[in-house]
Amino acid sequence: MYDLFLQLALMFSLGAIVYLVTIAVPRVKGGEESSPVNGILSKVPLHRVDSAISKYRDKFLRRLKVLIMKADNIVGKRLQKDKDSDNLKNGSDSPKLE
């Protein structure tokens, strides 16, 4: 099971690296030959594709941030609840200073 998580983490990190490299590499113009493939690719609005990817990336990151904050609140509440129940079991209402 741990191998699955490690493999997933590795694949996501490799995907992120490839994505960042493709963003960083500037588009080279010139030296284009006329071929059917270039004609089809020239019709693709790359600026629209880039802006759409950027928009969805921003939405995804905002939602991920909210989910992480919610998970942090859940964990914090759970830790506080466990801490309070341990204090009640020990018979002291205030935490011990060590």
Protein backbone atom coordinates (compact mmCIF):
# COMPACT_ATOMS: atom_id res chain seq x y z
CA MET A 1 0.00 0.00 0.00
CA TYR A 2 2.86 2.36 0.77
CA ASP A 3 4.35 1.57 -2.64
CA LEU A 4 1.18 2.83 -4.28
CA PHE A 5 1.41 6.16 -2.47
CA LEU A 6 5.08 6.50 -3.34
CA GLN A 7 4.41 5.73 -6.99
CA LEU A 8 1.52 8.19 -7.11
CA ALA A 9 3.65 10.89 -5.52
CA LEU A 10 6.45 10.20 -8.00
CA MET A 11 4.12 10.35 -11.01
CA PHE A 12 2.45 13.56 -9.83
CA SER A 13 5.83 15.19 -9.22
CA LEU A 14 7.10 14.11 -12.64
CA GLY A 15 3.93 15.48 -14.22
CA ALA A 16 4.40 18.77 -12.38
CA ILE A 17 8.02 18.99 -13.54
CA VAL A 18 7.03 18.36 -17.17
CA TYR A 19 4.26 20.97 -16.89
CA LEU A 20 6.62 23.57 -15.43
CA VAL A 21 9.22 22.89 -18.11
CA THR A 22 6.66 23.28 -20.89
CA ILE A 23 5.58 26.62 -19.42
CA ALA A 24 9.17 27.83 -19.11
CA VAL A 25 10.28 26.90 -22.62
CA PRO A 26 9.56 29.83 -24.91
CA ARG A 27 7.76 29.22 -28.16
CA VAL A 28 10.20 29.37 -31.03
CA LYS A 29 9.00 31.02 -34.25
CA GLY A 30 10.65 30.79 -37.60
CA GLY A 31 12.01 27.94 -39.64
CA GLU A 32 8.56 26.47 -40.06
CA GLU A 33 7.96 24.23 -43.02
CA SER A 34 4.58 23.98 -44.66
CA SER A 35 3.01 20.63 -43.99
CA PRO A 36 -0.53 19.45 -43.25
CA VAL A 37 0.31 19.00 -39.58
CA ASN A 38 1.61 22.57 -39.27
CA GLY A 39 -1.53 23.86 -40.99
CA ILE A 40 -3.74 22.10 -38.48
CA LEU A 41 -1.63 23.16 -35.50
CA SER A 42 -1.55 26.78 -36.67
CA LYS A 43 -5.36 26.88 -36.42
CA VAL A 44 -5.31 25.94 -32.73
CA PRO A 45 -5.68 29.11 -30.60
CA LEU A 46 -2.77 28.52 -28.21
CA HIS A 47 -3.35 31.74 -26.28
CA ARG A 48 -6.89 30.58 -25.45
CA VAL A 49 -5.64 27.15 -24.43
CA ASP A 50 -2.96 28.72 -22.20
CA SER A 51 -5.47 31.07 -20.55
CA ALA A 52 -7.95 28.23 -20.00
CA ILE A 53 -5.29 26.03 -18.41
CA SER A 54 -4.20 28.94 -16.24
CA LYS A 55 -7.79 29.62 -15.16
CA TYR A 56 -8.46 25.99 -14.25
CA ARG A 57 -5.11 25.71 -12.46
CA ASP A 58 -5.96 28.75 -10.35
CA LYS A 59 -9.41 27.35 -9.49
CA PHE A 60 -7.90 23.98 -8.61
CA LEU A 61 -5.27 25.55 -6.37
CA ARG A 62 -7.86 27.70 -4.57
CA ARG A 63 -10.08 24.68 -3.95
CA LEU A 64 -7.10 22.64 -2.81
CA LYS A 65 -6.19 25.42 -0.38
CA VAL A 66 -9.72 25.38 1.07
CA LEU A 67 -9.64 21.58 1.42
CA ILE A 68 -6.28 21.73 3.18
CA MET A 69 -7.57 24.40 5.55
CA LYS A 70 -10.67 22.29 6.31
CA ALA A 71 -8.53 19.22 6.96
CA ASP A 72 -6.29 21.29 9.24
CA ASN A 73 -9.32 22.46 11.23
CA ILE A 74 -10.63 18.89 11.55
CA VAL A 75 -7.26 17.63 12.77
CA GLY A 76 -6.92 20.56 15.19
CA LYS A 77 -10.37 19.95 16.65
CA ARG A 78 -9.65 16.24 17.00
CA LEU A 79 -6.36 16.93 18.80
CA GLN A 80 -8.04 19.42 21.11
CA LYS A 81 -10.82 16.92 21.86
CA ASP A 82 -8.29 14.19 22.67
CA LYS A 83 -6.31 16.60 24.84
CA ASP A 84 -9.43 17.63 26.74
CA SER A 85 -10.53 14.03 27.28
CA ASP A 86 -7.06 13.11 28.59
CA ASN A 87 -7.19 16.02 31.05
CA LEU A 88 -10.58 14.87 32.33
CA LYS A 89 -9.35 11.30 32.78
CA ASN A 90 -6.38 12.51 34.81
CA GLY A 91 -8.68 14.54 37.05
CA SER A 92 -7.15 17.90 36.34
CA ASP A 93 -9.01 20.70 34.61
CA SER A 94 -5.91 22.66 33.68
CA PRO A 95 -3.02 21.33 31.62
CA LYS A 96 0.14 20.45 33.50
CA LEU A 97 3.18 22.61 33.01
CA GLU A 98 6.34 20.63 32.57
